[in-house]
C-alpha cells in the first residue's frame, strides 16, 4: 500500500503529562512556535488542577511537536496517549472529559487517569463498533527494556451508561497497579 500525502501528515491528538520537573508547555514551546493545545481539565470539575493535569495537543504526524512528543514518550519524559480521530480538537476533548470522572461504587466518584498508558492498558478497553470520535489509541507500554507501541481500535475504556463507571474486573486490575 502506497502512503498518500494526507496519510503521511495525518492530524493526531496527544494527551500528555510531564514526568519531570520541566513544565510540559515550556518544552512544547521550545519545540514549536504556535502549537494547538488545551488543558484537559479545563471546564471540568477538575478545573482547580488544570495546570497540574494533562495537555491535549493537536499535531500533524510530520510536525516538530509530534516528533518531540514521540521521542519524549519513548524516553519516559512524558506519559500519555496518541489518539487518531476524524473529529477536531473540541470533539476529542469532549470525549476525553466525559470519561474523567467515574463512579467507583455507591455514591463515590473519582478521577480516572485513563490517559496514563499503564491505566489504559489495565482497563482493557473494549472495541466499540459504533465509535464516532476515536478510531485508534496508540501508546508506549511494557516492562523496562521491552516497551513497544500498542494500539486499541475504536476504543471505549469504560461503561458510559447511565454514568461513567468501572466494572469489577477493571477496579481489581487498577487496584493491582503499583506506582
N, C-alpha and C. Protein backbone atom coordinates (compact mmCIF):
# COMPACT_ATOMS: atom_id res chain seq x y z
N UNK A 1 0.84 -1.18 0.00
CA UNK A 1 0.00 0.00 0.00
C UNK A 1 0.89 1.25 0.00
N UNK A 2 0.63 2.14 -0.91
CA UNK A 2 1.38 3.38 -1.01
C UNK A 2 0.72 4.42 -0.10
N UNK A 3 1.54 5.09 0.69
CA UNK A 3 1.01 6.12 1.57
C UNK A 3 0.81 7.41 0.80
N UNK A 4 -0.38 7.94 0.86
CA UNK A 4 -0.68 9.21 0.20
C UNK A 4 -0.22 10.35 1.11
N UNK A 5 0.00 11.54 0.55
CA UNK A 5 0.46 12.67 1.38
C UNK A 5 -0.44 12.94 2.58
N UNK A 6 -1.77 12.80 2.42
CA UNK A 6 -2.66 13.07 3.55
C UNK A 6 -2.50 12.03 4.65
N UNK A 7 -2.12 10.78 4.30
CA UNK A 7 -1.89 9.75 5.32
C UNK A 7 -0.55 9.99 6.03
N UNK A 8 0.41 10.57 5.30
CA UNK A 8 1.72 10.81 5.89
C UNK A 8 1.67 11.91 6.95
N UNK A 9 0.85 12.92 6.75
CA UNK A 9 0.81 14.01 7.71
C UNK A 9 -0.57 14.13 8.36
N UNK A 10 -1.12 13.00 8.71
CA UNK A 10 -2.42 12.95 9.35
C UNK A 10 -2.36 13.66 10.70
N UNK A 11 -3.44 14.35 11.04
CA UNK A 11 -3.51 15.01 12.33
C UNK A 11 -3.78 13.98 13.42
N UNK A 12 -3.06 14.11 14.49
CA UNK A 12 -3.26 13.26 15.65
C UNK A 12 -3.41 14.16 16.88
N UNK A 13 -3.95 13.55 17.91
CA UNK A 13 -4.15 14.26 19.17
C UNK A 13 -3.38 13.50 20.24
N UNK A 14 -2.67 14.21 21.08
CA UNK A 14 -1.85 13.58 22.11
C UNK A 14 -2.26 14.10 23.48
N UNK A 15 -2.56 13.19 24.39
CA UNK A 15 -2.83 13.57 25.77
C UNK A 15 -1.51 13.35 26.49
N UNK A 16 -0.91 14.43 26.99
CA UNK A 16 0.44 14.36 27.53
C UNK A 16 0.55 14.92 28.94
N UNK A 17 1.36 14.22 29.75
CA UNK A 17 1.72 14.69 31.09
C UNK A 17 3.23 14.63 31.21
N UNK A 18 3.80 15.62 31.85
CA UNK A 18 5.25 15.63 32.07
C UNK A 18 5.59 14.67 33.20
N UNK A 19 6.69 13.98 33.06
CA UNK A 19 7.18 13.08 34.10
C UNK A 19 8.40 13.67 34.80
N UNK A 20 8.76 14.90 34.44
CA UNK A 20 9.91 15.58 35.02
C UNK A 20 9.50 16.95 35.53
N UNK A 21 10.47 17.65 36.11
CA UNK A 21 10.18 18.95 36.69
C UNK A 21 10.00 20.04 35.63
N UNK A 22 10.58 19.87 34.45
CA UNK A 22 10.42 20.88 33.41
C UNK A 22 8.96 20.91 32.97
N UNK A 23 8.31 22.06 33.05
CA UNK A 23 6.91 22.14 32.63
C UNK A 23 6.73 21.71 31.17
N UNK A 24 5.71 20.93 30.93
CA UNK A 24 5.43 20.41 29.60
C UNK A 24 5.29 21.53 28.58
N UNK A 25 4.54 22.57 28.92
CA UNK A 25 4.32 23.65 27.96
C UNK A 25 5.61 24.39 27.63
N UNK A 26 6.51 24.50 28.59
CA UNK A 26 7.80 25.13 28.32
C UNK A 26 8.56 24.33 27.28
N UNK A 27 8.60 23.01 27.43
CA UNK A 27 9.26 22.15 26.44
C UNK A 27 8.56 22.23 25.10
N UNK A 28 7.25 22.23 25.10
CA UNK A 28 6.48 22.28 23.86
C UNK A 28 6.78 23.55 23.08
N UNK A 29 6.79 24.70 23.77
CA UNK A 29 7.04 25.96 23.07
C UNK A 29 8.50 26.14 22.66
N UNK A 30 9.41 25.37 23.25
CA UNK A 30 10.79 25.36 22.78
C UNK A 30 10.89 24.56 21.47
N UNK A 31 9.92 23.71 21.23
CA UNK A 31 9.90 22.84 20.04
C UNK A 31 9.10 23.45 18.90
N UNK A 32 7.96 24.05 19.20
CA UNK A 32 7.06 24.56 18.17
C UNK A 32 6.68 26.00 18.46
N UNK A 33 6.51 26.79 17.42
CA UNK A 33 6.17 28.21 17.59
C UNK A 33 4.74 28.45 18.03
N UNK A 34 3.79 27.75 17.42
CA UNK A 34 2.38 28.01 17.71
C UNK A 34 1.61 26.69 17.78
N UNK A 35 1.90 25.87 18.79
CA UNK A 35 1.19 24.59 18.89
C UNK A 35 -0.28 24.80 19.24
N UNK A 36 -1.11 23.85 18.81
CA UNK A 36 -2.54 23.89 19.10
C UNK A 36 -2.82 22.92 20.25
N UNK A 37 -3.18 23.45 21.40
CA UNK A 37 -3.35 22.62 22.59
C UNK A 37 -4.41 23.23 23.50
N UNK A 38 -4.81 22.43 24.50
CA UNK A 38 -5.68 22.92 25.56
C UNK A 38 -5.46 22.06 26.80
N UNK A 39 -5.83 22.62 27.94
CA UNK A 39 -5.75 21.87 29.19
C UNK A 39 -6.91 20.90 29.24
N UNK A 40 -6.63 19.63 29.53
CA UNK A 40 -7.70 18.64 29.57
C UNK A 40 -8.68 18.89 30.71
N UNK A 41 -8.20 19.38 31.83
CA UNK A 41 -9.08 19.59 32.98
C UNK A 41 -9.90 20.89 32.91
N UNK A 42 -9.63 21.73 31.92
CA UNK A 42 -10.39 22.99 31.78
C UNK A 42 -11.88 22.69 31.60
N UNK A 43 -12.70 23.49 32.24
CA UNK A 43 -14.15 23.37 32.13
C UNK A 43 -14.68 22.02 32.61
N UNK A 44 -14.01 21.42 33.58
CA UNK A 44 -14.48 20.18 34.21
C UNK A 44 -14.48 20.39 35.72
N UNK A 45 -14.95 19.39 36.44
CA UNK A 45 -14.92 19.51 37.90
C UNK A 45 -13.50 19.45 38.45
N UNK A 46 -12.53 19.16 37.58
CA UNK A 46 -11.11 19.10 37.96
C UNK A 46 -10.39 20.40 37.61
N UNK A 47 -11.14 21.46 37.30
CA UNK A 47 -10.61 22.76 36.90
C UNK A 47 -9.56 23.29 37.89
N UNK A 48 -9.72 23.04 39.17
CA UNK A 48 -8.77 23.53 40.17
C UNK A 48 -7.36 22.98 39.94
N UNK A 49 -7.25 21.88 39.21
CA UNK A 49 -5.96 21.23 38.96
C UNK A 49 -5.54 21.39 37.50
N UNK A 50 -6.11 22.37 36.81
CA UNK A 50 -5.92 22.50 35.37
C UNK A 50 -4.45 22.54 34.96
N UNK A 51 -3.63 23.27 35.68
CA UNK A 51 -2.22 23.38 35.29
C UNK A 51 -1.39 22.18 35.72
N UNK A 52 -1.91 21.37 36.62
CA UNK A 52 -1.21 20.16 37.05
C UNK A 52 -1.61 18.96 36.21
N UNK A 53 -2.71 19.08 35.50
CA UNK A 53 -3.23 17.97 34.71
C UNK A 53 -2.61 17.90 33.33
N UNK A 54 -3.09 16.97 32.54
CA UNK A 54 -2.54 16.77 31.19
C UNK A 54 -2.96 17.85 30.20
N UNK A 55 -2.22 17.89 29.11
CA UNK A 55 -2.48 18.79 28.00
C UNK A 55 -2.92 17.94 26.81
N UNK A 56 -3.87 18.43 26.05
CA UNK A 56 -4.29 17.78 24.81
C UNK A 56 -3.70 18.60 23.67
N UNK A 57 -2.85 17.95 22.89
CA UNK A 57 -2.13 18.60 21.79
C UNK A 57 -2.63 18.07 20.46
N UNK A 58 -2.87 18.97 19.51
CA UNK A 58 -3.21 18.59 18.14
C UNK A 58 -1.96 18.80 17.29
N UNK A 59 -1.55 17.75 16.56
CA UNK A 59 -0.31 17.87 15.78
C UNK A 59 -0.33 16.95 14.56
N UNK A 60 0.22 17.43 13.47
CA UNK A 60 0.40 16.60 12.28
C UNK A 60 1.53 15.62 12.53
N UNK A 61 1.45 14.45 11.93
CA UNK A 61 2.46 13.41 12.13
C UNK A 61 3.86 13.84 11.71
N UNK A 62 3.96 14.78 10.82
CA UNK A 62 5.27 15.23 10.34
C UNK A 62 5.74 16.50 11.07
N UNK A 63 4.99 16.96 12.05
CA UNK A 63 5.34 18.20 12.74
C UNK A 63 6.45 17.99 13.76
N UNK A 64 7.11 19.08 14.08
CA UNK A 64 8.19 19.05 15.09
C UNK A 64 7.64 18.63 16.45
N UNK A 65 6.47 19.17 16.82
CA UNK A 65 5.92 18.84 18.14
C UNK A 65 5.52 17.37 18.23
N UNK A 66 5.08 16.78 17.14
CA UNK A 66 4.73 15.36 17.16
C UNK A 66 5.99 14.51 17.34
N UNK A 67 7.02 14.83 16.59
CA UNK A 67 8.29 14.08 16.73
C UNK A 67 8.86 14.24 18.14
N UNK A 68 8.78 15.46 18.68
CA UNK A 68 9.25 15.71 20.04
C UNK A 68 8.48 14.85 21.04
N UNK A 69 7.16 14.81 20.90
CA UNK A 69 6.32 14.04 21.82
C UNK A 69 6.63 12.54 21.74
N UNK A 70 6.77 11.98 20.52
CA UNK A 70 7.09 10.57 20.37
C UNK A 70 8.40 10.23 21.08
N UNK A 71 9.40 11.06 20.85
CA UNK A 71 10.71 10.83 21.47
C UNK A 71 10.60 10.89 23.00
N UNK A 72 9.89 11.89 23.50
CA UNK A 72 9.74 12.05 24.95
C UNK A 72 8.93 10.92 25.58
N UNK A 73 7.92 10.41 24.85
CA UNK A 73 7.14 9.27 25.35
C UNK A 73 8.03 8.03 25.46
N UNK A 74 8.84 7.79 24.43
CA UNK A 74 9.72 6.62 24.44
C UNK A 74 10.80 6.73 25.52
N UNK A 75 11.24 7.96 25.80
CA UNK A 75 12.27 8.17 26.82
C UNK A 75 11.71 8.22 28.24
N UNK A 76 10.39 8.25 28.37
CA UNK A 76 9.78 8.32 29.69
C UNK A 76 9.71 9.72 30.27
N UNK A 77 10.05 10.74 29.49
CA UNK A 77 9.95 12.13 29.96
C UNK A 77 8.51 12.60 29.95
N UNK A 78 7.69 12.01 29.07
CA UNK A 78 6.26 12.28 29.00
C UNK A 78 5.51 10.97 29.15
N UNK A 79 4.28 11.08 29.59
CA UNK A 79 3.38 9.94 29.67
C UNK A 79 2.12 10.36 28.93
N UNK A 80 1.46 9.40 28.25
CA UNK A 80 0.22 9.77 27.60
C UNK A 80 -0.18 8.84 26.48
N UNK A 81 -1.18 9.29 25.74
CA UNK A 81 -1.77 8.52 24.65
C UNK A 81 -1.75 9.34 23.37
N UNK A 82 -1.67 8.64 22.24
CA UNK A 82 -1.81 9.24 20.92
C UNK A 82 -3.17 8.81 20.39
N UNK A 83 -3.96 9.75 19.95
CA UNK A 83 -5.33 9.48 19.51
C UNK A 83 -5.50 9.82 18.04
N UNK A 84 -6.14 8.92 17.31
CA UNK A 84 -6.50 9.19 15.92
C UNK A 84 -8.00 9.40 15.87
N UNK A 85 -8.40 10.50 15.22
CA UNK A 85 -9.81 10.83 15.15
C UNK A 85 -10.10 11.64 13.89
N UNK A 86 -11.25 11.37 13.26
CA UNK A 86 -11.66 12.21 12.13
C UNK A 86 -12.26 13.53 12.62
N UNK A 87 -12.51 13.65 13.92
CA UNK A 87 -13.11 14.84 14.52
C UNK A 87 -12.02 15.86 14.85
N UNK A 88 -12.40 17.02 15.28
CA UNK A 88 -11.47 18.08 15.64
C UNK A 88 -11.10 18.05 17.12
N UNK A 89 -10.27 19.00 17.51
CA UNK A 89 -9.77 19.11 18.87
C UNK A 89 -10.89 19.19 19.90
N UNK A 90 -11.92 19.98 19.63
CA UNK A 90 -13.01 20.13 20.59
C UNK A 90 -13.77 18.83 20.81
N UNK A 91 -14.03 18.07 19.75
CA UNK A 91 -14.74 16.80 19.88
C UNK A 91 -13.91 15.79 20.65
N UNK A 92 -12.61 15.75 20.39
CA UNK A 92 -11.73 14.82 21.11
C UNK A 92 -11.67 15.21 22.59
N UNK A 93 -11.55 16.50 22.87
CA UNK A 93 -11.52 16.97 24.26
C UNK A 93 -12.82 16.60 24.97
N UNK A 94 -13.94 16.78 24.32
CA UNK A 94 -15.24 16.44 24.91
C UNK A 94 -15.29 14.95 25.26
N UNK A 95 -14.85 14.09 24.31
CA UNK A 95 -14.83 12.63 24.53
C UNK A 95 -13.98 12.29 25.76
N UNK A 96 -12.81 12.89 25.84
CA UNK A 96 -11.90 12.62 26.97
C UNK A 96 -12.51 13.11 28.29
N UNK A 97 -13.04 14.34 28.28
CA UNK A 97 -13.58 14.93 29.50
C UNK A 97 -14.79 14.17 30.03
N UNK A 98 -15.59 13.59 29.14
CA UNK A 98 -16.76 12.82 29.58
C UNK A 98 -16.36 11.58 30.36
N UNK A 99 -15.12 11.14 30.27
CA UNK A 99 -14.65 9.91 30.91
C UNK A 99 -13.71 10.17 32.09
N UNK A 100 -13.47 11.42 32.43
CA UNK A 100 -12.55 11.73 33.53
C UNK A 100 -13.08 11.32 34.89
N UNK A 101 -14.35 11.57 35.14
CA UNK A 101 -14.94 11.28 36.45
C UNK A 101 -15.76 10.00 36.34
N UNK A 102 -15.43 9.02 37.19
CA UNK A 102 -16.13 7.74 37.14
C UNK A 102 -16.73 7.39 38.49
N UNK A 103 -17.80 6.62 38.43
CA UNK A 103 -18.42 6.07 39.62
C UNK A 103 -17.56 4.88 40.05
N UNK A 104 -17.14 4.87 41.31
CA UNK A 104 -16.30 3.78 41.79
C UNK A 104 -16.98 3.00 42.91
N UNK A 105 -18.28 2.98 42.87
CA UNK A 105 -19.05 2.23 43.85
C UNK A 105 -19.89 3.13 44.72
N UNK A 106 -21.16 2.79 44.84
CA UNK A 106 -22.06 3.60 45.65
C UNK A 106 -22.14 5.01 45.11
N UNK A 107 -21.96 5.97 46.00
CA UNK A 107 -22.03 7.37 45.61
C UNK A 107 -20.64 7.97 45.45
N UNK A 108 -19.61 7.12 45.48
CA UNK A 108 -18.24 7.62 45.37
C UNK A 108 -17.87 7.83 43.90
N UNK A 109 -17.15 8.92 43.67
CA UNK A 109 -16.65 9.21 42.33
C UNK A 109 -15.18 9.58 42.45
N UNK A 110 -14.47 9.41 41.35
CA UNK A 110 -13.06 9.76 41.36
C UNK A 110 -12.57 10.09 39.97
N UNK A 111 -11.38 10.68 39.91
CA UNK A 111 -10.71 10.99 38.65
C UNK A 111 -10.09 9.71 38.12
N UNK A 112 -10.39 9.36 36.89
CA UNK A 112 -9.81 8.19 36.25
C UNK A 112 -8.73 8.67 35.29
N UNK A 113 -7.49 8.40 35.62
CA UNK A 113 -6.36 8.82 34.80
C UNK A 113 -6.15 7.83 33.65
N UNK A 114 -7.19 7.59 32.87
CA UNK A 114 -7.13 6.61 31.79
C UNK A 114 -6.15 7.02 30.70
N UNK A 115 -5.71 8.26 30.69
CA UNK A 115 -4.74 8.74 29.71
C UNK A 115 -3.31 8.32 30.05
N UNK A 116 -3.11 7.68 31.20
CA UNK A 116 -1.82 7.10 31.55
C UNK A 116 -1.74 5.72 30.90
N UNK A 117 -0.71 5.41 30.12
CA UNK A 117 -0.63 4.12 29.42
C UNK A 117 -0.78 2.91 30.32
N UNK A 118 -0.26 2.97 31.53
CA UNK A 118 -0.41 1.85 32.46
C UNK A 118 -1.87 1.64 32.82
N UNK A 119 -2.59 2.72 33.11
CA UNK A 119 -4.01 2.63 33.45
C UNK A 119 -4.80 2.19 32.22
N UNK A 120 -4.52 2.81 31.06
CA UNK A 120 -5.23 2.45 29.83
C UNK A 120 -5.12 0.95 29.57
N UNK A 121 -3.92 0.43 29.69
CA UNK A 121 -3.70 -0.99 29.43
C UNK A 121 -4.47 -1.86 30.43
N UNK A 122 -4.48 -1.48 31.70
CA UNK A 122 -5.20 -2.23 32.73
C UNK A 122 -6.71 -2.20 32.54
N UNK A 123 -7.22 -1.14 31.96
CA UNK A 123 -8.66 -1.04 31.73
C UNK A 123 -9.13 -2.00 30.64
N UNK A 124 -8.20 -2.45 29.81
CA UNK A 124 -8.53 -3.35 28.69
C UNK A 124 -9.74 -2.81 27.92
N UNK A 125 -9.59 -1.64 27.30
CA UNK A 125 -10.71 -1.03 26.57
C UNK A 125 -11.34 -1.97 25.55
N UNK A 126 -12.63 -1.88 25.47
CA UNK A 126 -13.40 -2.69 24.52
C UNK A 126 -13.50 -1.95 23.19
N UNK A 127 -13.66 -2.70 22.12
CA UNK A 127 -13.88 -2.11 20.81
C UNK A 127 -15.35 -1.73 20.69
N UNK A 128 -15.57 -0.50 20.28
CA UNK A 128 -16.92 0.00 20.07
C UNK A 128 -17.16 0.08 18.57
N UNK A 129 -17.96 -0.82 18.04
CA UNK A 129 -18.22 -0.87 16.60
C UNK A 129 -18.84 0.42 16.07
N UNK A 130 -19.46 1.19 16.95
CA UNK A 130 -20.13 2.43 16.54
C UNK A 130 -19.36 3.67 16.99
N UNK A 131 -18.05 3.53 17.16
CA UNK A 131 -17.24 4.66 17.61
C UNK A 131 -17.31 5.79 16.60
N UNK A 132 -17.55 6.99 17.08
CA UNK A 132 -17.66 8.15 16.21
C UNK A 132 -16.52 9.14 16.39
N UNK A 133 -15.86 9.09 17.55
CA UNK A 133 -14.82 10.08 17.82
C UNK A 133 -13.43 9.49 17.68
N UNK A 134 -13.10 8.48 18.45
CA UNK A 134 -11.76 7.90 18.38
C UNK A 134 -11.73 6.66 17.50
N UNK A 135 -10.83 6.67 16.54
CA UNK A 135 -10.63 5.49 15.68
C UNK A 135 -9.56 4.58 16.26
N UNK A 136 -8.55 5.17 16.91
CA UNK A 136 -7.44 4.38 17.40
C UNK A 136 -6.73 5.13 18.52
N UNK A 137 -6.23 4.37 19.49
CA UNK A 137 -5.36 4.90 20.53
C UNK A 137 -4.05 4.15 20.42
N UNK A 138 -2.96 4.90 20.45
CA UNK A 138 -1.62 4.33 20.37
C UNK A 138 -0.89 4.74 21.64
N UNK A 139 -0.18 3.78 22.25
CA UNK A 139 0.54 4.11 23.48
C UNK A 139 1.80 3.27 23.62
N UNK A 140 2.81 3.85 24.30
CA UNK A 140 4.09 3.22 24.55
C UNK A 140 3.98 2.50 25.88
N UNK A 141 4.15 1.17 25.85
CA UNK A 141 3.89 0.40 27.07
C UNK A 141 4.72 -0.88 27.11
N UNK A 142 4.99 -1.34 28.31
CA UNK A 142 5.67 -2.60 28.52
C UNK A 142 6.66 -2.49 29.67
N UNK A 143 7.21 -3.62 30.02
CA UNK A 143 8.23 -3.65 31.07
C UNK A 143 9.48 -2.95 30.57
N UNK A 144 10.28 -2.38 31.47
CA UNK A 144 11.51 -1.70 31.04
C UNK A 144 12.35 -2.59 30.13
N UNK A 145 12.77 -2.01 29.02
CA UNK A 145 13.55 -2.75 28.04
C UNK A 145 12.71 -3.57 27.07
N UNK A 146 11.41 -3.68 27.33
CA UNK A 146 10.52 -4.45 26.47
C UNK A 146 9.34 -3.62 25.96
N UNK A 147 9.44 -2.29 26.13
CA UNK A 147 8.35 -1.42 25.69
C UNK A 147 8.20 -1.46 24.18
N UNK A 148 6.95 -1.22 23.77
CA UNK A 148 6.65 -1.14 22.35
C UNK A 148 5.37 -0.34 22.18
N UNK A 149 5.13 0.06 20.94
CA UNK A 149 3.89 0.78 20.63
C UNK A 149 2.76 -0.23 20.57
N UNK A 150 1.68 0.07 21.27
CA UNK A 150 0.49 -0.78 21.29
C UNK A 150 -0.69 0.05 20.79
N UNK A 151 -1.71 -0.64 20.27
CA UNK A 151 -2.87 0.09 19.76
C UNK A 151 -4.17 -0.53 20.25
N UNK A 152 -5.18 0.31 20.31
CA UNK A 152 -6.55 -0.10 20.59
C UNK A 152 -7.42 0.52 19.50
N UNK A 153 -8.18 -0.29 18.80
CA UNK A 153 -9.04 0.19 17.72
C UNK A 153 -10.43 0.55 18.25
N UNK A 154 -10.96 1.68 17.80
CA UNK A 154 -12.32 2.12 18.18
C UNK A 154 -12.60 1.88 19.66
N UNK A 155 -11.79 2.47 20.54
CA UNK A 155 -11.84 2.10 21.95
C UNK A 155 -12.96 2.73 22.77
N UNK A 156 -13.39 1.99 23.76
CA UNK A 156 -14.25 2.50 24.82
C UNK A 156 -13.69 1.93 26.12
N UNK A 157 -12.99 2.77 26.90
CA UNK A 157 -12.31 2.25 28.09
C UNK A 157 -13.24 1.90 29.25
N UNK A 158 -14.40 2.55 29.34
CA UNK A 158 -15.29 2.32 30.48
C UNK A 158 -16.74 2.30 30.03
N UNK A 159 -17.59 1.76 30.88
CA UNK A 159 -19.04 1.77 30.62
C UNK A 159 -19.54 3.20 30.80
N UNK A 160 -20.33 3.67 29.86
CA UNK A 160 -20.80 5.06 29.90
C UNK A 160 -22.26 5.19 30.30
N UNK A 161 -22.95 4.10 30.55
CA UNK A 161 -24.38 4.17 30.82
C UNK A 161 -24.70 3.56 32.16
N UNK A 162 -25.45 4.19 33.02
CA UNK A 162 -26.02 5.53 32.90
C UNK A 162 -25.00 6.63 33.19
N UNK A 163 -23.94 6.33 33.96
CA UNK A 163 -22.85 7.28 34.20
C UNK A 163 -21.54 6.54 33.99
N UNK A 164 -20.44 7.25 33.71
CA UNK A 164 -19.16 6.56 33.56
C UNK A 164 -18.83 5.74 34.80
N UNK A 165 -18.48 4.48 34.59
CA UNK A 165 -18.22 3.59 35.73
C UNK A 165 -17.22 2.51 35.34
N UNK A 166 -16.53 1.99 36.33
CA UNK A 166 -15.62 0.86 36.16
C UNK A 166 -16.37 -0.42 36.50
N UNK A 167 -16.08 -1.49 35.77
CA UNK A 167 -16.66 -2.77 36.16
C UNK A 167 -15.76 -3.41 37.22
N UNK A 168 -16.20 -4.48 37.82
CA UNK A 168 -15.46 -5.10 38.92
C UNK A 168 -14.07 -5.56 38.50
N UNK A 169 -13.96 -6.11 37.29
CA UNK A 169 -12.67 -6.57 36.78
C UNK A 169 -11.71 -5.39 36.60
N UNK A 170 -12.19 -4.27 36.08
CA UNK A 170 -11.34 -3.08 35.90
C UNK A 170 -10.91 -2.54 37.26
N UNK A 171 -11.82 -2.49 38.22
CA UNK A 171 -11.50 -1.99 39.55
C UNK A 171 -10.40 -2.86 40.17
N UNK A 172 -10.50 -4.16 40.05
CA UNK A 172 -9.49 -5.07 40.58
C UNK A 172 -8.16 -4.87 39.88
N UNK A 173 -8.18 -4.73 38.56
CA UNK A 173 -6.94 -4.54 37.80
C UNK A 173 -6.24 -3.24 38.19
N UNK A 174 -7.01 -2.18 38.40
CA UNK A 174 -6.42 -0.91 38.79
C UNK A 174 -5.86 -0.96 40.21
N UNK A 175 -6.50 -1.69 41.10
CA UNK A 175 -6.01 -1.81 42.46
C UNK A 175 -4.71 -2.60 42.52
N UNK A 176 -4.42 -3.38 41.47
CA UNK A 176 -3.19 -4.16 41.42
C UNK A 176 -2.01 -3.36 40.87
N UNK A 177 -2.26 -2.16 40.35
CA UNK A 177 -1.21 -1.33 39.77
C UNK A 177 -0.39 -0.71 40.88
N UNK A 178 0.92 -0.80 40.76
CA UNK A 178 1.79 -0.12 41.71
C UNK A 178 2.48 1.03 40.99
N UNK A 179 2.52 2.15 41.65
CA UNK A 179 3.10 3.36 41.02
C UNK A 179 4.60 3.34 41.05
